[in-house]
N, C-alpha and C. Protein backbone atom coordinates (compact mmCIF):
# COMPACT_ATOMS: atom_id res chain seq x y z
N MET A 1 6.87 -3.30 -5.63
CA MET A 1 5.89 -3.11 -5.11
C MET A 1 4.51 -2.55 -4.47
N SER A 2 5.10 -1.39 -3.99
CA SER A 2 4.49 -0.26 -3.17
C SER A 2 4.77 1.02 -4.80
N ASN A 3 5.27 0.86 -5.08
CA ASN A 3 5.63 1.91 -6.32
C ASN A 3 4.26 1.04 -7.98
N ILE A 4 4.08 0.69 -7.53
CA ILE A 4 3.23 0.09 -8.99
C ILE A 4 1.83 -0.02 -8.47
N HIS A 5 1.08 1.21 -9.19
CA HIS A 5 0.02 1.34 -8.86
C HIS A 5 -0.54 1.13 -10.08
N PHE A 6 -2.27 0.35 -9.66
CA PHE A 6 -3.46 -0.44 -10.85
C PHE A 6 -4.06 0.80 -10.14
N THR A 7 -5.19 0.74 -11.68
CA THR A 7 -5.76 0.80 -11.25
C THR A 7 -7.39 0.92 -11.26
N ASP A 8 -8.52 1.12 -10.45
CA ASP A 8 -9.75 0.47 -10.18
C ASP A 8 -10.32 -0.89 -11.76
N THR A 9 -9.83 -0.07 -12.44
CA THR A 9 -10.34 -1.28 -13.47
C THR A 9 -9.48 -2.51 -13.45
N GLN A 10 -8.40 -2.34 -13.73
CA GLN A 10 -6.91 -3.24 -13.38
C GLN A 10 -6.94 -4.32 -12.36
N LYS A 11 -7.23 -3.77 -11.20
CA LYS A 11 -7.67 -4.49 -10.29
C LYS A 11 -8.91 -5.19 -9.96
N ALA A 12 -10.32 -5.09 -10.49
CA ALA A 12 -10.82 -6.15 -11.14
C ALA A 12 -10.15 -6.84 -11.65
N ALA A 13 -10.06 -7.04 -13.04
CA ALA A 13 -9.15 -7.22 -13.58
C ALA A 13 -8.13 -8.59 -13.36
N ILE A 14 -7.09 -8.17 -12.19
CA ILE A 14 -6.30 -8.84 -11.74
C ILE A 14 -7.02 -9.91 -10.77
N VAL A 15 -8.17 -9.13 -10.22
CA VAL A 15 -9.33 -10.80 -8.90
C VAL A 15 -9.69 -11.35 -9.91
N SER A 16 -10.26 -11.25 -10.63
CA SER A 16 -10.95 -11.89 -12.09
C SER A 16 -9.97 -13.12 -12.42
N LEU A 17 -8.36 -12.70 -13.32
CA LEU A 17 -7.28 -14.37 -13.19
C LEU A 17 -7.27 -14.10 -12.68
N LEU A 18 -6.82 -13.78 -11.26
CA LEU A 18 -6.33 -14.94 -10.15
C LEU A 18 -7.72 -15.84 -9.53
N ILE A 19 -8.86 -15.02 -9.53
CA ILE A 19 -9.98 -15.84 -9.02
C ILE A 19 -10.14 -17.49 -10.07
N GLU A 20 -9.39 -16.79 -11.70
CA GLU A 20 -9.88 -18.33 -12.30
C GLU A 20 -8.50 -19.45 -12.19
N MET A 21 -7.23 -18.28 -11.52
CA MET A 21 -6.37 -19.11 -11.69
C MET A 21 -6.54 -20.75 -10.47
N ILE A 22 -7.70 -19.65 -9.77
CA ILE A 22 -7.40 -21.27 -8.32
C ILE A 22 -8.83 -22.00 -8.17
N ASN A 23 -9.69 -21.05 -10.01
CA ASN A 23 -10.92 -22.62 -10.48
C ASN A 23 -10.15 -24.08 -11.57
N VAL A 24 -9.39 -22.95 -11.98
CA VAL A 24 -9.10 -24.04 -13.70
C VAL A 24 -7.75 -25.16 -13.20
N ASP A 25 -8.06 -25.68 -11.89
CA ASP A 25 -7.90 -27.13 -11.48
C ASP A 25 -8.43 -28.19 -11.24
N GLU A 26 -9.83 -26.90 -10.64
CA GLU A 26 -11.87 -27.60 -9.99
C GLU A 26 -11.41 -28.01 -8.76
N ARG A 27 -9.93 -27.25 -8.08
CA ARG A 27 -10.37 -27.86 -6.84
C ARG A 27 -10.28 -26.08 -5.93
N ILE A 28 -10.13 -26.39 -4.83
CA ILE A 28 -10.48 -24.64 -4.11
C ILE A 28 -9.31 -25.05 -3.45
N ASP A 29 -8.24 -24.47 -2.53
CA ASP A 29 -7.00 -24.96 -1.97
C ASP A 29 -7.75 -23.95 -0.70
N HIS A 30 -7.21 -24.20 0.43
CA HIS A 30 -7.30 -23.32 0.96
C HIS A 30 -6.18 -22.41 1.90
N SER A 31 -4.91 -22.54 1.22
CA SER A 31 -3.83 -22.34 0.54
C SER A 31 -4.00 -21.17 -0.02
N GLU A 32 -4.86 -21.51 -1.40
CA GLU A 32 -4.84 -20.37 -2.50
C GLU A 32 -5.22 -19.14 -1.96
N VAL A 33 -6.90 -19.61 -1.07
CA VAL A 33 -7.14 -18.76 -0.89
C VAL A 33 -6.64 -17.15 0.54
N SER A 34 -5.72 -18.19 1.12
CA SER A 34 -5.40 -17.33 1.56
C SER A 34 -4.66 -16.70 0.74
N VAL A 35 -3.51 -16.99 0.13
CA VAL A 35 -2.84 -15.70 -1.07
C VAL A 35 -3.92 -14.73 -1.45
N PHE A 36 -5.14 -15.71 -1.94
CA PHE A 36 -5.39 -14.65 -2.84
C PHE A 36 -6.11 -13.32 -2.32
N ASN A 37 -6.54 -12.92 -0.98
CA ASN A 37 -6.57 -13.21 0.36
C ASN A 37 -5.77 -11.76 0.66
N LEU A 38 -4.57 -12.06 0.60
CA LEU A 38 -3.67 -11.59 1.28
C LEU A 38 -2.73 -10.22 -0.56
N ILE A 39 -3.19 -11.29 -1.08
CA ILE A 39 -2.58 -9.79 -2.24
C ILE A 39 -3.88 -8.75 -2.43
N CYS A 40 -4.81 -9.57 -2.11
CA CYS A 40 -6.22 -8.35 -2.57
C CYS A 40 -5.86 -7.64 -1.50
N ALA A 41 -5.70 -7.76 0.11
CA ALA A 41 -5.08 -6.28 0.60
C ALA A 41 -3.84 -5.55 0.33
N GLU A 42 -2.56 -6.81 0.02
CA GLU A 42 -1.85 -5.35 -0.38
C GLU A 42 -1.59 -4.41 -1.56
N THR A 43 -3.26 -5.27 -2.33
CA THR A 43 -3.14 -4.34 -3.05
C THR A 43 -4.60 -2.72 -3.42
N GLN A 44 -4.71 -3.68 -2.17
CA GLN A 44 -5.43 -2.87 -1.88
C GLN A 44 -7.15 -2.86 -2.92
N VAL A 45 -7.46 -3.71 -2.37
CA VAL A 45 -8.87 -4.06 -2.96
C VAL A 45 -9.87 -3.53 -3.04
N PRO A 46 -10.91 -2.41 -3.21
CA PRO A 46 -11.52 -2.43 -1.85
C PRO A 46 -12.91 -3.51 -1.97
N GLU A 47 -14.28 -3.70 -1.44
CA GLU A 47 -14.91 -4.69 -1.70
C GLU A 47 -15.69 -4.71 -3.20
N ASP A 48 -16.11 -3.52 -2.85
CA ASP A 48 -17.00 -2.45 -4.75
C ASP A 48 -15.63 -2.66 -5.83
N ILE A 49 -14.49 -3.02 -5.91
CA ILE A 49 -13.68 -3.82 -7.08
C ILE A 49 -14.02 -5.36 -6.70
N TYR A 50 -13.40 -5.80 -5.79
CA TYR A 50 -13.65 -7.40 -5.67
C TYR A 50 -15.02 -7.80 -6.73
N ASN A 51 -16.17 -7.52 -5.80
CA ASN A 51 -16.73 -8.13 -6.49
C ASN A 51 -17.07 -8.00 -7.94
N ILE A 52 -16.81 -6.23 -8.38
CA ILE A 52 -16.66 -6.26 -10.21
C ILE A 52 -15.94 -7.64 -10.14
N GLY A 53 -14.94 -7.91 -10.29
CA GLY A 53 -13.17 -8.81 -10.65
C GLY A 53 -14.29 -10.36 -10.67
N ARG A 54 -15.10 -10.66 -9.23
CA ARG A 54 -15.71 -12.02 -9.68
C ARG A 54 -16.60 -11.86 -9.97
N SER A 55 -16.49 -10.75 -11.16
CA SER A 55 -18.32 -11.38 -12.10
C SER A 55 -17.64 -10.65 -13.42
N LEU A 56 -16.04 -10.69 -12.95
CA LEU A 56 -16.21 -9.60 -14.41
C LEU A 56 -15.26 -10.78 -16.04
N ASN A 57 -15.06 -11.17 -17.00
CA ASN A 57 -15.05 -12.25 -17.85
C ASN A 57 -13.66 -12.35 -17.23
N PRO A 58 -13.55 -13.69 -17.74
CA PRO A 58 -11.45 -13.68 -17.82
C PRO A 58 -10.93 -12.95 -18.38
N ILE A 59 -11.94 -13.32 -19.56
CA ILE A 59 -11.56 -12.75 -21.24
C ILE A 59 -10.92 -11.63 -21.38
N VAL A 60 -12.65 -10.40 -20.57
CA VAL A 60 -12.50 -8.98 -20.84
C VAL A 60 -11.04 -8.47 -19.92
N ALA A 61 -11.17 -9.93 -18.83
CA ALA A 61 -9.47 -9.34 -17.63
C ALA A 61 -8.37 -9.46 -18.15
N LEU A 62 -7.84 -10.47 -18.98
CA LEU A 62 -7.11 -10.06 -19.90
C LEU A 62 -6.86 -8.79 -21.28
N ASP A 63 -7.87 -8.89 -21.63
CA ASP A 63 -8.40 -8.20 -22.50
C ASP A 63 -7.34 -7.16 -21.37
N ILE A 64 -7.82 -7.34 -20.28
CA ILE A 64 -7.34 -5.43 -19.70
C ILE A 64 -5.40 -5.36 -19.18
N MET A 65 -6.14 -6.92 -18.92
CA MET A 65 -3.87 -7.15 -18.95
C MET A 65 -3.38 -6.55 -20.04
N LYS A 66 -3.32 -6.81 -21.49
CA LYS A 66 -2.76 -6.92 -21.82
C LYS A 66 -2.87 -4.98 -22.03
N ARG A 67 -3.62 -4.39 -21.98
CA ARG A 67 -3.66 -2.47 -22.15
C ARG A 67 -2.98 -2.52 -20.97
N MET A 68 -1.76 -3.15 -19.65
CA MET A 68 -1.45 -2.64 -19.61
C MET A 68 -0.17 -1.97 -19.41
N ASN A 69 0.73 -1.54 -17.94
CA ASN A 69 2.27 -1.10 -18.77
C ASN A 69 3.12 -2.54 -18.92
N ASP A 70 4.28 -2.67 -18.61
CA ASP A 70 5.04 -3.28 -18.76
C ASP A 70 5.46 -3.93 -17.19
N LEU A 71 5.73 -3.63 -16.60
CA LEU A 71 6.35 -3.15 -15.25
C LEU A 71 4.65 -4.03 -14.46
N GLN A 72 2.94 -2.98 -14.50
CA GLN A 72 2.10 -3.93 -13.94
C GLN A 72 1.65 -5.64 -14.80
N LYS A 73 2.31 -5.73 -15.76
CA LYS A 73 2.33 -6.87 -16.43
C LYS A 73 3.14 -7.92 -15.52
N ILE A 74 4.42 -7.05 -15.41
CA ILE A 74 5.24 -8.51 -14.82
C ILE A 74 4.81 -8.63 -13.62
N HIS A 75 4.29 -7.18 -12.85
CA HIS A 75 3.61 -8.00 -12.10
C HIS A 75 2.22 -8.45 -11.21
N THR A 76 1.54 -8.69 -12.60
CA THR A 76 0.22 -9.28 -12.34
C THR A 76 0.51 -11.01 -12.54
N ALA A 77 1.91 -10.58 -13.07
CA ALA A 77 2.08 -12.80 -13.49
C ALA A 77 2.97 -13.07 -12.40
N GLN A 78 3.93 -12.41 -11.75
CA GLN A 78 3.95 -12.51 -10.30
C GLN A 78 2.88 -13.29 -9.27
N LEU A 79 1.98 -12.53 -8.93
CA LEU A 79 0.29 -12.42 -8.74
C LEU A 79 -0.48 -13.92 -8.78
N LEU A 80 0.22 -14.18 -10.15
CA LEU A 80 -0.38 -15.41 -10.58
C LEU A 80 0.33 -16.80 -10.58
N THR A 81 1.44 -16.63 -10.42
CA THR A 81 2.39 -17.24 -9.87
C THR A 81 2.48 -17.39 -8.27
N ARG A 82 2.20 -16.82 -7.85
CA ARG A 82 1.94 -16.54 -5.79
C ARG A 82 0.81 -17.74 -5.07
N VAL A 83 -0.46 -17.71 -6.65
CA VAL A 83 -1.08 -18.82 -6.37
C VAL A 83 -1.38 -20.33 -6.04
N ILE A 84 -0.70 -20.26 -7.60
CA ILE A 84 0.39 -21.86 -8.04
C ILE A 84 0.94 -22.08 -7.94
N ASP A 85 1.60 -20.79 -6.66
CA ASP A 85 2.81 -21.69 -5.61
C ASP A 85 2.42 -22.13 -4.25
N ALA A 86 0.88 -21.87 -4.47
CA ALA A 86 0.51 -21.09 -2.71
C ALA A 86 0.11 -22.78 -2.34
N ASP A 87 -0.57 -23.62 -3.22
CA ASP A 87 -0.64 -25.27 -2.53
C ASP A 87 0.55 -26.11 -3.15
N ALA A 88 1.34 -26.28 -3.29
CA ALA A 88 3.11 -26.91 -2.99
C ALA A 88 2.50 -27.69 -4.25
N CYS A 89 1.20 -27.60 -5.24
CA CYS A 89 0.71 -28.85 -6.00
C CYS A 89 0.81 -27.95 -7.70
N ASP A 90 1.72 -28.02 -8.44
CA ASP A 90 1.49 -27.69 -9.84
C ASP A 90 0.68 -28.31 -11.16
N ASP A 91 -0.60 -27.82 -10.73
CA ASP A 91 -1.24 -28.99 -11.84
C ASP A 91 -1.43 -28.36 -13.13
N ASP A 92 -1.28 -29.34 -13.87
CA ASP A 92 -0.84 -29.07 -15.60
C ASP A 92 -2.08 -27.57 -16.18
N ARG A 93 -3.43 -27.75 -15.76
CA ARG A 93 -4.13 -26.63 -16.23
C ARG A 93 -3.78 -25.50 -15.28
N GLU A 94 -3.08 -25.32 -13.94
CA GLU A 94 -2.75 -23.47 -13.78
C GLU A 94 -1.41 -22.82 -14.54
N ILE A 95 -0.52 -24.36 -15.37
CA ILE A 95 0.50 -23.77 -16.30
C ILE A 95 0.56 -23.57 -17.09
N GLU A 96 -1.22 -24.02 -17.02
CA GLU A 96 -1.33 -24.44 -18.97
C GLU A 96 -2.05 -22.55 -19.47
N LEU A 97 -3.01 -22.26 -17.77
CA LEU A 97 -3.51 -20.99 -18.18
C LEU A 97 -2.33 -19.96 -17.90
N PHE A 98 -2.01 -20.22 -17.02
CA PHE A 98 -0.37 -19.05 -16.59
C PHE A 98 0.11 -18.85 -18.23
N ASN A 99 0.90 -19.94 -18.47
CA ASN A 99 0.80 -19.63 -19.97
C ASN A 99 0.79 -19.16 -20.98
N LEU A 100 -0.24 -19.56 -21.17
CA LEU A 100 -1.68 -18.72 -21.64
C LEU A 100 -2.15 -17.19 -22.12
N ILE A 101 -1.54 -16.68 -20.14
CA ILE A 101 -1.68 -15.23 -19.80
C ILE A 101 -0.62 -14.84 -20.15
N CYS A 102 0.56 -15.56 -19.84
CA CYS A 102 1.77 -14.66 -20.52
C CYS A 102 2.20 -14.24 -22.07
N ARG A 103 2.03 -15.41 -22.77
CA ARG A 103 0.99 -15.19 -24.01
C ARG A 103 0.43 -14.40 -23.99
N GLU A 104 -0.54 -14.44 -24.48
CA GLU A 104 -2.19 -13.71 -24.61
C GLU A 104 -1.02 -12.08 -24.49
N THR A 105 -0.86 -12.64 -22.89
CA THR A 105 0.07 -10.93 -22.55
C THR A 105 1.02 -9.32 -23.19
N GLY A 106 2.24 -10.71 -23.69
CA GLY A 106 3.28 -10.75 -23.70
C GLY A 106 4.68 -10.40 -22.64
N VAL A 107 3.33 -10.67 -21.64
CA VAL A 107 4.84 -11.83 -20.39
C VAL A 107 5.39 -12.30 -20.99
N ASP A 108 5.38 -13.08 -21.43
CA ASP A 108 6.53 -13.70 -22.12
C ASP A 108 7.68 -13.33 -22.16
N VAL A 109 7.16 -12.66 -23.29
CA VAL A 109 8.47 -11.56 -24.21
C VAL A 109 8.94 -10.91 -23.21
N LEU A 110 8.74 -10.32 -22.10
CA LEU A 110 8.92 -9.26 -21.29
C LEU A 110 9.58 -9.89 -19.73
N MET A 111 9.68 -11.08 -19.52
CA MET A 111 10.37 -12.37 -19.11
C MET A 111 12.20 -12.53 -19.59
N ASP A 112 11.51 -12.48 -20.51
CA ASP A 112 12.32 -12.96 -21.39
C ASP A 112 13.55 -12.69 -21.62
N THR A 113 13.72 -10.84 -21.63
CA THR A 113 14.23 -9.46 -22.09
C THR A 113 15.01 -9.12 -20.67
N LYS A 114 13.75 -9.29 -19.72
CA LYS A 114 14.53 -9.40 -18.28
C LYS A 114 15.85 -10.27 -17.54
N SER A 115 16.05 -11.19 -18.07
CA SER A 115 16.99 -12.54 -17.82
C SER A 115 17.84 -12.10 -18.01
């Protein structure tokens, strides 16, 4: 994890996508927020980048993720999975959003080739 570097723009996109994942099921669970905060700390998201990510349109964030390298994309998908798994309740909307992100960014193909 420490060898994967993200630019500030990419970090803002990750924040935006994680927030979208937390909100997609229309209920915010404490465990999801805890995992989100942990991810922000692990990826060293400074407050100004966090604020940009909060206001970033998820479609723009998705476009930024499309331009990440393969390892960054896979790692971002893993971060999204951590948020999905945090509340131990896989909502269909979370899975649909995750699948959409994976399809649109090519992560689904990358994951298939890594298997």
